[in-house]
C-alpha atoms as a PDB file:
ATOM      1  CA  MET A   1       0.040  -0.092  -0.170  1.00  0.00           C
ATOM      2  CA  ARG A   2       1.364   3.143  -0.316  1.00  0.00           C
ATOM      3  CA  LYS A   3       2.400   5.468   1.927  1.00  0.00           C
ATOM      4  CA  GLY A   4      -0.118   8.621   0.991  1.00  0.00           C
ATOM      5  CA  VAL A   5      -3.327   5.946   1.304  1.00  0.00           C
ATOM      6  CA  PHE A   6      -1.942   4.825   4.158  1.00  0.00           C
ATOM      7  CA  LEU A   7      -1.932   7.766   6.129  1.00  0.00           C
ATOM      8  CA  SER A   8      -5.522   8.727   4.162  1.00  0.00           C
ATOM      9  CA  LEU A   9      -6.726   5.906   5.779  1.00  0.00           C
ATOM     10  CA  VAL A  10      -5.257   6.335   9.617  1.00  0.00           C
ATOM     11  CA  LEU A  11      -6.814   9.597   9.260  1.00  0.00           C
ATOM     12  CA  ALA A  12      -9.978   8.678   8.718  1.00  0.00           C
ATOM     13  CA  THR A  13      -9.602   5.731  11.364  1.00  0.00           C
ATOM     14  CA  ALA A  14      -8.943   8.668  13.663  1.00  0.00           C
ATOM     15  CA  PHE A  15     -11.791  10.926  12.664  1.00  0.00           C
ATOM     16  CA  ALA A  16     -14.303   8.239  12.547  1.00  0.00           C
ATOM     17  CA  ILE A  17     -13.544   7.187  16.409  1.00  0.00           C
ATOM     18  CA  SER A  18     -13.052  10.418  17.682  1.00  0.00           C
ATOM     19  CA  PRO A  19     -17.184  11.759  18.013  1.00  0.00           C
ATOM     20  CA  ALA A  20     -17.763   8.247  19.070  1.00  0.00           C
ATOM     21  CA  ALA A  21     -15.280   8.734  22.053  1.00  0.00           C
ATOM     22  CA  ALA A  22     -16.827  11.883  22.992  1.00  0.00           C
ATOM     23  CA  VAL A  23     -19.818  11.883  25.626  1.00  0.00           C
ATOM     24  CA  GLU A  24     -22.027  13.777  27.309  1.00  0.00           C
ATOM     25  CA  LEU A  25     -21.767  14.509  30.720  1.00  0.00           C
ATOM     26  CA  THR A  26     -24.640  15.437  32.882  1.00  0.00           C
ATOM     27  CA  ILE A  27     -23.594  17.737  35.730  1.00  0.00           C
ATOM     28  CA  PHE A  28     -26.109  18.600  38.863  1.00  0.00           C
ATOM     29  CA  ALA A  29     -24.598  22.199  40.141  1.00  0.00           C
ATOM     30  CA  THR A  30     -25.493  24.422  42.600  1.00  0.00           C
ATOM     31  CA  GLY A  31     -26.262  27.893  41.172  1.00  0.00           C
ATOM     32  CA  SER A  32     -23.267  29.638  42.506  1.00  0.00           C
ATOM     33  CA  MET A  33     -20.792  27.409  41.231  1.00  0.00           C
ATOM     34  CA  ALA A  34     -22.865  27.478  37.814  1.00  0.00           C
ATOM     35  CA  ASP A  35     -20.800  30.152  35.988  1.00  0.00           C
ATOM     36  CA  PRO A  36     -17.304  29.038  36.938  1.00  0.00           C
ATOM     37  CA  LEU A  37     -18.192  25.652  36.074  1.00  0.00           C
ATOM     38  CA  LYS A  38     -19.673  26.580  32.658  1.00  0.00           C
ATOM     39  CA  GLU A  39     -16.456  28.916  31.923  1.00  0.00           C
ATOM     40  CA  LEU A  40     -13.813  25.946  32.692  1.00  0.00           C
ATOM     41  CA  GLY A  41     -16.491  23.948  30.894  1.00  0.00           C
ATOM     42  CA  GLU A  42     -16.157  25.498  27.747  1.00  0.00           C
ATOM     43  CA  ASP A  43     -11.930  24.686  27.689  1.00  0.00           C
ATOM     44  CA  PHE A  44     -12.849  21.203  28.529  1.00  0.00           C
ATOM     45  CA  THR A  45     -15.466  20.529  25.887  1.00  0.00           C
ATOM     46  CA  HIS A  46     -12.336  22.491  23.667  1.00  0.00           C
ATOM     47  CA  GLN A  47      -9.752  19.876  24.587  1.00  0.00           C
ATOM     48  CA  THR A  48     -11.627  16.559  25.289  1.00  0.00           C
ATOM     49  CA  GLY A  49     -14.887  17.017  22.979  1.00  0.00           C
ATOM     50  CA  HIS A  50     -17.201  16.104  25.916  1.00  0.00           C
ATOM     51  CA  THR A  51     -20.110  18.160  26.300  1.00  0.00           C
ATOM     52  CA  LEU A  52     -21.587  19.394  29.584  1.00  0.00           C
ATOM     53  CA  LYS A  53     -25.319  19.988  30.165  1.00  0.00           C
ATOM     54  CA  PHE A  54     -25.920  21.449  33.665  1.00  0.00           C
ATOM     55  CA  SER A  55     -28.907  20.511  36.125  1.00  0.00           C
ATOM     56  CA  LEU A  56     -28.873  23.572  38.213  1.00  0.00           C
ATOM     57  CA  GLY A  57     -30.790  24.600  41.625  1.00  0.00           C
ATOM     58  CA  THR A  58     -29.986  25.542  45.320  1.00  0.00           C
ATOM     59  CA  THR A  59     -28.532  23.032  47.262  1.00  0.00           C
ATOM     60  CA  GLY A  60     -31.801  22.209  48.861  1.00  0.00           C
ATOM     61  CA  GLY A  61     -33.021  21.984  45.134  1.00  0.00           C
ATOM     62  CA  VAL A  62     -30.364  19.483  43.652  1.00  0.00           C
ATOM     63  CA  MET A  63     -30.806  17.186  46.703  1.00  0.00           C
ATOM     64  CA  ASN A  64     -34.457  16.871  46.160  1.00  0.00           C
ATOM     65  CA  LYS A  65     -33.475  16.097  42.204  1.00  0.00           C
ATOM     66  CA  LEU A  66     -31.639  13.517  43.252  1.00  0.00           C
ATOM     67  CA  LYS A  67     -33.802  12.099  45.748  1.00  0.00           C
ATOM     68  CA  ALA A  68     -36.425  12.024  43.088  1.00  0.00           C
ATOM     69  CA  GLY A  69     -34.361   9.596  41.443  1.00  0.00           C
ATOM     70  CA  GLU A  70     -32.725  11.849  38.702  1.00  0.00           C
ATOM     71  CA  LYS A  71     -28.930  10.704  37.901  1.00  0.00           C
ATOM     72  CA  GLY A  72     -26.338  11.554  35.792  1.00  0.00           C
ATOM     73  CA  ASP A  73     -22.159  11.984  35.979  1.00  0.00           C
ATOM     74  CA  VAL A  74     -21.316  14.616  38.526  1.00  0.00           C
ATOM     75  CA  ILE A  75     -22.387  16.497  41.205  1.00  0.00           C
ATOM     76  CA  VAL A  76     -21.121  19.835  42.529  1.00  0.00           C
ATOM     77  CA  ILE A  77     -22.623  20.661  45.764  1.00  0.00           C
ATOM     78  CA  SER A  78     -21.437  21.745  49.550  1.00  0.00           C
ATOM     79  CA  ASP A  79     -19.903  20.071  51.470  1.00  0.00           C
ATOM     80  CA  GLU A  80     -22.585  19.534  53.964  1.00  0.00           C
ATOM     81  CA  ALA A  81     -24.493  17.900  51.682  1.00  0.00           C
ATOM     82  CA  ALA A  82     -21.845  15.659  50.213  1.00  0.00           C
ATOM     83  CA  ASP A  83     -21.656  14.056  53.197  1.00  0.00           C
ATOM     84  CA  THR A  84     -24.999  12.832  53.111  1.00  0.00           C
ATOM     85  CA  LEU A  85     -24.718  11.685  49.390  1.00  0.00           C
ATOM     86  CA  GLU A  86     -21.461   9.816  50.796  1.00  0.00           C
ATOM     87  CA  LYS A  87     -23.312   8.397  53.525  1.00  0.00           C
ATOM     88  CA  GLN A  88     -26.050   7.146  51.240  1.00  0.00           C
ATOM     89  CA  GLY A  89     -23.774   5.530  48.253  1.00  0.00           C
ATOM     90  CA  THR A  90     -24.587   8.151  45.758  1.00  0.00           C
ATOM     91  CA  PHE A  91     -20.885   9.378  45.087  1.00  0.00           C
ATOM     92  CA  ALA A  92     -18.663   7.127  43.659  1.00  0.00           C
ATOM     93  CA  PRO A  93     -15.911   5.880  46.424  1.00  0.00           C
ATOM     94  CA  GLY A  94     -13.048   7.941  46.328  1.00  0.00           C
ATOM     95  CA  THR A  95     -14.434  10.391  43.873  1.00  0.00           C
ATOM     96  CA  ARG A  96     -15.010  13.188  46.227  1.00  0.00           C
ATOM     97  CA  LYS A  97     -12.775  16.607  45.599  1.00  0.00           C
ATOM     98  CA  ASP A  98     -12.898  19.713  47.184  1.00  0.00           C
ATOM     99  CA  VAL A  99     -13.721  22.429  44.168  1.00  0.00           C
ATOM    100  CA  ALA A 100     -14.194  25.995  45.537  1.00  0.00           C
ATOM    101  CA  SER A 101     -15.536  28.083  47.849  1.00  0.00           C
ATOM    102  CA  SER A 102     -18.283  30.953  47.262  1.00  0.00           C
ATOM    103  CA  LEU A 103     -17.591  34.202  48.929  1.00  0.00           C
ATOM    104  CA  PHE A 104     -20.429  37.031  49.637  1.00  0.00           C
ATOM    105  CA  GLY A 105     -20.622  40.105  48.310  1.00  0.00           C
ATOM    106  CA  VAL A 106     -22.755  42.751  47.474  1.00  0.00           C
ATOM    107  CA  VAL A 107     -24.012  44.191  44.007  1.00  0.00           C
ATOM    108  CA  VAL A 108     -25.294  47.513  42.119  1.00  0.00           C
ATOM    109  CA  LYS A 109     -25.645  48.457  38.721  1.00  0.00           C
ATOM    110  CA  ARG A 110     -22.386  48.529  36.991  1.00  0.00           C
ATOM    111  CA  ASN A 111     -22.757  52.740  36.034  1.00  0.00           C
ATOM    112  CA  ALA A 112     -23.786  53.188  40.124  1.00  0.00           C
ATOM    113  CA  PRO A 113     -20.807  54.068  42.465  1.00  0.00           C
ATOM    114  CA  ALA A 114     -19.083  51.356  44.563  1.00  0.00           C
ATOM    115  CA  PRO A 115     -20.940  50.906  47.469  1.00  0.00           C
ATOM    116  CA  ASP A 116     -18.376  50.968  50.788  1.00  0.00           C
ATOM    117  CA  VAL A 117     -19.136  47.887  52.470  1.00  0.00           C
ATOM    118  CA  SER A 118     -15.403  47.730  54.027  1.00  0.00           C
ATOM    119  CA  THR A 119     -16.507  47.379  57.651  1.00  0.00           C
ATOM    120  CA  PRO A 120     -19.074  45.139  59.029  1.00  0.00           C
ATOM    121  CA  ASP A 121     -20.496  49.109  59.808  1.00  0.00           C
ATOM    122  CA  ALA A 122     -20.212  50.041  56.054  1.00  0.00           C
ATOM    123  CA  LEU A 123     -22.039  46.636  55.700  1.00  0.00           C
ATOM    124  CA  LYS A 124     -24.613  47.956  57.663  1.00  0.00           C
ATOM    125  CA  LYS A 125     -25.581  51.524  56.266  1.00  0.00           C
ATOM    126  CA  ALA A 126     -25.465  50.693  52.903  1.00  0.00           C
ATOM    127  CA  VAL A 127     -28.221  48.155  53.371  1.00  0.00           C
ATOM    128  CA  GLN A 128     -30.078  50.931  55.379  1.00  0.00           C
ATOM    129  CA  SER A 129     -29.206  53.377  52.920  1.00  0.00           C
ATOM    130  CA  ALA A 130     -30.999  51.336  49.780  1.00  0.00           C
ATOM    131  CA  ARG A 131     -34.554  52.174  49.365  1.00  0.00           C
ATOM    132  CA  HIS A 132     -34.931  48.745  47.601  1.00  0.00           C
ATOM    133  CA  ILE A 133     -32.771  45.317  48.306  1.00  0.00           C
ATOM    134  CA  SER A 134     -32.828  41.711  46.969  1.00  0.00           C
ATOM    135  CA  TYR A 135     -31.063  38.672  48.176  1.00  0.00           C
ATOM    136  CA  PRO A 136     -32.366  34.735  47.958  1.00  0.00           C
ATOM    137  CA  ASP A 137     -35.153  33.551  49.837  1.00  0.00           C
ATOM    138  CA  PRO A 138     -34.063  31.843  52.885  1.00  0.00           C
ATOM    139  CA  VAL A 139     -36.240  29.019  52.450  1.00  0.00           C
ATOM    140  CA  ALA A 140     -35.226  28.050  48.975  1.00  0.00           C
ATOM    141  CA  ALA A 141     -31.527  28.987  49.186  1.00  0.00           C
ATOM    142  CA  ALA A 142     -30.706  28.631  53.077  1.00  0.00           C
ATOM    143  CA  ALA A 143     -26.813  29.046  52.216  1.00  0.00           C
ATOM    144  CA  SER A 144     -27.015  32.565  50.764  1.00  0.00           C
ATOM    145  CA  GLY A 145     -30.172  33.534  51.915  1.00  0.00           C
ATOM    146  CA  GLY A 146     -30.041  32.073  55.270  1.00  0.00           C
ATOM    147  CA  TYR A 147     -26.507  33.774  56.356  1.00  0.00           C
ATOM    148  CA  VAL A 148     -27.252  36.867  54.228  1.00  0.00           C
ATOM    149  CA  GLU A 149     -30.531  37.627  56.891  1.00  0.00           C
ATOM    150  CA  SER A 150     -28.430  36.345  59.563  1.00  0.00           C
ATOM    151  CA  VAL A 151     -25.972  39.258  58.971  1.00  0.00           C
ATOM    152  CA  LEU A 152     -29.171  41.562  59.051  1.00  0.00           C
ATOM    153  CA  LYS A 153     -30.650  39.900  62.107  1.00  0.00           C
ATOM    154  CA  ASN A 154     -26.936  40.813  63.908  1.00  0.00           C
ATOM    155  CA  PHE A 155     -27.043  43.841  62.753  1.00  0.00           C
ATOM    156  CA  GLY A 156     -30.613  44.659  64.424  1.00  0.00           C
ATOM    157  CA  ILE A 157     -32.066  46.038  60.852  1.00  0.00           C
ATOM    158  CA  LEU A 158     -33.659  42.524  59.629  1.00  0.00           C
ATOM    159  CA  ASP A 159     -37.515  43.542  59.934  1.00  0.00           C
ATOM    160  CA  ASP A 160     -36.967  47.003  58.518  1.00  0.00           C
ATOM    161  CA  SER A 161     -34.832  45.303  55.521  1.00  0.00           C
ATOM    162  CA  ARG A 162     -37.013  42.442  54.860  1.00  0.00           C
ATOM    163  CA  LYS A 163     -39.557  45.842  54.487  1.00  0.00           C
ATOM    164  CA  LYS A 164     -37.777  46.907  51.186  1.00  0.00           C
ATOM    165  CA  ALA A 165     -36.755  43.212  50.353  1.00  0.00           C
ATOM    166  CA  SER A 166     -37.454  41.857  47.149  1.00  0.00           C
ATOM    167  CA  LEU A 167     -36.399  37.403  47.671  1.00  0.00           C
ATOM    168  CA  LYS A 168     -35.158  35.410  45.118  1.00  0.00           C
ATOM    169  CA  PRO A 169     -35.307  31.471  44.945  1.00  0.00           C
ATOM    170  CA  MET A 170     -31.768  31.682  43.180  1.00  0.00           C
ATOM    171  CA  GLY A 171     -29.037  34.021  43.510  1.00  0.00           C
ATOM    172  CA  TYR A 172     -28.624  34.649  39.768  1.00  0.00           C
ATOM    173  CA  LEU A 173     -31.801  36.327  40.178  1.00  0.00           C
ATOM    174  CA  VAL A 174     -30.717  38.835  42.930  1.00  0.00           C
ATOM    175  CA  GLY A 175     -28.550  40.222  40.098  1.00  0.00           C
ATOM    176  CA  GLU A 176     -31.234  40.100  37.423  1.00  0.00           C
ATOM    177  CA  ALA A 177     -33.346  42.840  39.792  1.00  0.00           C
ATOM    178  CA  VAL A 178     -30.369  44.921  40.519  1.00  0.00           C
ATOM    179  CA  GLU A 179     -30.070  45.339  36.569  1.00  0.00           C
ATOM    180  CA  LYS A 180     -33.691  45.830  36.307  1.00  0.00           C
ATOM    181  CA  GLY A 181     -33.908  48.591  38.868  1.00  0.00           C
ATOM    182  CA  GLU A 182     -35.976  46.452  40.814  1.00  0.00           C
ATOM    183  CA  ALA A 183     -33.346  46.913  43.678  1.00  0.00           C
ATOM    184  CA  ASP A 184     -30.411  49.521  44.395  1.00  0.00           C
ATOM    185  CA  LEU A 185     -28.537  46.896  45.923  1.00  0.00           C
ATOM    186  CA  GLY A 186     -28.202  43.057  46.001  1.00  0.00           C
ATOM    187  CA  LEU A 187     -26.922  40.350  48.255  1.00  0.00           C
ATOM    188  CA  SER A 188     -25.563  36.966  48.002  1.00  0.00           C
ATOM    189  CA  PHE A 189     -22.734  34.978  46.474  1.00  0.00           C
ATOM    190  CA  MET A 190     -20.153  36.631  43.991  1.00  0.00           C
ATOM    191  CA  SER A 191     -19.978  34.271  41.925  1.00  0.00           C
ATOM    192  CA  GLU A 192     -23.863  34.518  41.127  1.00  0.00           C
ATOM    193  CA  PHE A 193     -22.818  38.012  39.594  1.00  0.00           C
ATOM    194  CA  VAL A 194     -19.354  38.742  38.352  1.00  0.00           C
ATOM    195  CA  ALA A 195     -20.778  37.031  34.692  1.00  0.00           C
ATOM    196  CA  ASP A 196     -22.657  39.682  34.204  1.00  0.00           C
ATOM    197  CA  LYS A 197     -20.815  42.970  32.822  1.00  0.00           C
ATOM    198  CA  ASP A 198     -23.842  44.856  33.376  1.00  0.00           C
ATOM    199  CA  LEU A 199     -23.312  44.545  37.347  1.00  0.00           C
ATOM    200  CA  LYS A 200     -20.744  45.701  39.880  1.00  0.00           C
ATOM    201  CA  VAL A 201     -19.494  43.618  42.695  1.00  0.00           C
ATOM    202  CA  VAL A 202     -17.972  44.416  45.848  1.00  0.00           C
ATOM    203  CA  PRO A 203     -17.225  41.825  48.575  1.00  0.00           C
ATOM    204  CA  PHE A 204     -18.379  41.364  51.938  1.00  0.00           C
ATOM    205  CA  PRO A 205     -15.720  42.814  54.701  1.00  0.00           C
ATOM    206  CA  ALA A 206     -13.080  39.847  55.680  1.00  0.00           C
ATOM    207  CA  ALA A 207     -15.161  40.121  59.096  1.00  0.00           C
ATOM    208  CA  LEU A 208     -18.588  38.970  57.801  1.00  0.00           C
ATOM    209  CA  GLN A 209     -17.255  36.795  55.204  1.00  0.00           C
ATOM    210  CA  LYS A 210     -18.264  32.875  55.496  1.00  0.00           C
ATOM    211  CA  PRO A 211     -16.651  30.565  52.450  1.00  0.00           C
ATOM    212  CA  GLN A 212     -18.713  27.614  51.459  1.00  0.00           C
ATOM    213  CA  LEU A 213     -17.315  25.151  50.511  1.00  0.00           C
ATOM    214  CA  TYR A 214     -18.648  23.044  47.393  1.00  0.00           C
ATOM    215  CA  VAL A 215     -17.436  19.985  46.405  1.00  0.00           C
ATOM    216  CA  ALA A 216     -16.927  17.366  43.684  1.00  0.00           C
ATOM    217  CA  GLY A 217     -18.342  13.780  42.997  1.00  0.00           C
ATOM    218  CA  VAL A 218     -18.861  11.295  40.448  1.00  0.00           C
ATOM    219  CA  PHE A 219     -22.273   9.668  40.484  1.00  0.00           C
ATOM    220  CA  ALA A 220     -22.605   5.810  42.107  1.00  0.00           C
ATOM    221  CA  GLY A 221     -22.863   4.113  38.477  1.00  0.00           C
ATOM    222  CA  ALA A 222     -22.473   7.133  36.341  1.00  0.00           C
ATOM    223  CA  PRO A 223     -22.922   5.807  32.846  1.00  0.00           C
ATOM    224  CA  ASN A 224     -19.749   8.437  31.905  1.00  0.00           C
ATOM    225  CA  ALA A 225     -17.307   7.889  34.694  1.00  0.00           C
ATOM    226  CA  GLU A 226     -14.223   8.093  33.150  1.00  0.00           C
ATOM    227  CA  ALA A 227     -15.145  11.475  31.205  1.00  0.00           C
ATOM    228  CA  ALA A 228     -16.755  12.546  34.718  1.00  0.00           C
ATOM    229  CA  ARG A 229     -13.424  11.856  36.489  1.00  0.00           C
ATOM    230  CA  ALA A 230     -11.739  13.754  33.264  1.00  0.00           C
ATOM    231  CA  PHE A 231     -13.606  16.534  34.330  1.00  0.00           C
ATOM    232  CA  ILE A 232     -13.172  17.056  38.114  1.00  0.00           C
ATOM    233  CA  ALA A 233      -9.559  16.208  37.539  1.00  0.00           C
ATOM    234  CA  PHE A 234      -9.470  19.474  35.025  1.00  0.00           C
ATOM    235  CA  VAL A 235     -11.776  21.913  37.104  1.00  0.00           C
ATOM    236  CA  THR A 236      -9.383  21.340  40.036  1.00  0.00           C
ATOM    237  CA  LYS A 237      -5.869  21.003  38.412  1.00  0.00           C
ATOM    238  CA  PRO A 238      -3.812  24.266  39.400  1.00  0.00           C
ATOM    239  CA  GLU A 239      -3.343  26.002  36.258  1.00  0.00           C
ATOM    240  CA  ASN A 240      -7.292  26.591  36.316  1.00  0.00           C
ATOM    241  CA  ARG A 241      -7.393  28.493  39.623  1.00  0.00           C
ATOM    242  CA  ALA A 242      -7.058  31.599  38.206  1.00  0.00           C
ATOM    243  CA  LYS A 243     -10.020  31.777  36.414  1.00  0.00           C
ATOM    244  CA  LEU A 244     -11.931  29.970  39.705  1.00  0.00           C
ATOM    245  CA  LYS A 245     -10.870  33.193  40.975  1.00  0.00           C
ATOM    246  CA  ALA A 246     -12.231  35.166  37.596  1.00  0.00           C
ATOM    247  CA  ALA A 247     -14.917  33.446  38.266  1.00  0.00           C
ATOM    248  CA  GLY A 248     -15.256  34.399  41.862  1.00  0.00           C
ATOM    249  CA  VAL A 249     -14.856  31.977  43.830  1.00  0.00           C
ATOM    250  CA  GLU A 250     -11.604  31.021  45.758  1.00  0.00           C
ATOM    251  CA  PRO A 251      -9.853  27.367  44.679  1.00  0.00           C
ATOM    252  CA  ALA A 252      -9.282  24.660  46.887  1.00  0.00           C
ATOM    253  CA  VAL A 253      -6.292  23.660  48.150  1.00  0.00           C
ATOM    254  CA  HIS A 254      -5.034  20.120  46.983  1.00  0.00           C
END
């Protein structure tokens, strides 16, 4: 066989195999990790050919989906919820890995002055001076909304804040409320805002930060377990720490 013909056959075989090797991963994830995972997911797809389908919700929402029997390949969820999933056998043994922590911040429109929230007292004043605010509903989104209300309660302004608050079932909707002018100030995880270029995000003061750790694991019996493991390894590798930071989360140290 001539060399040129042989090479053509090799290339044809390679292209025939590649599409078959690529799979679609179903990833269950909490809303605060959605944008960071999607950002890295584009690079993962480019490098591997594997595509991603996300099933998003609050931690409680994701847990309810799992209880209802929904299946997939990867779960990215709070560390407390991951403890429960491990005990239940939902995670494949040995696949759990810390990904990143979400940090709290306030959000205003891009063209608005950045609020001074450098100290707890400054944050209190910023909330008090806002005509309307928005934050996640503490019932639907306990990790974010519940903590925001605990801060407002400690400030002694929870009742007054609730009167002018628009509560949202997920954090990204808080950003939309600010963008649409429904609220002057929003409070939630920063990662739910940073992808929106029409918004300006300022972190909570260090004294009031409560990092929420999110971890990843492969579904027990996942149909695409090998690719799922590769995705988790990809998003947690050192080279991607800068992208996670840029997406508003603090990468876990391994």
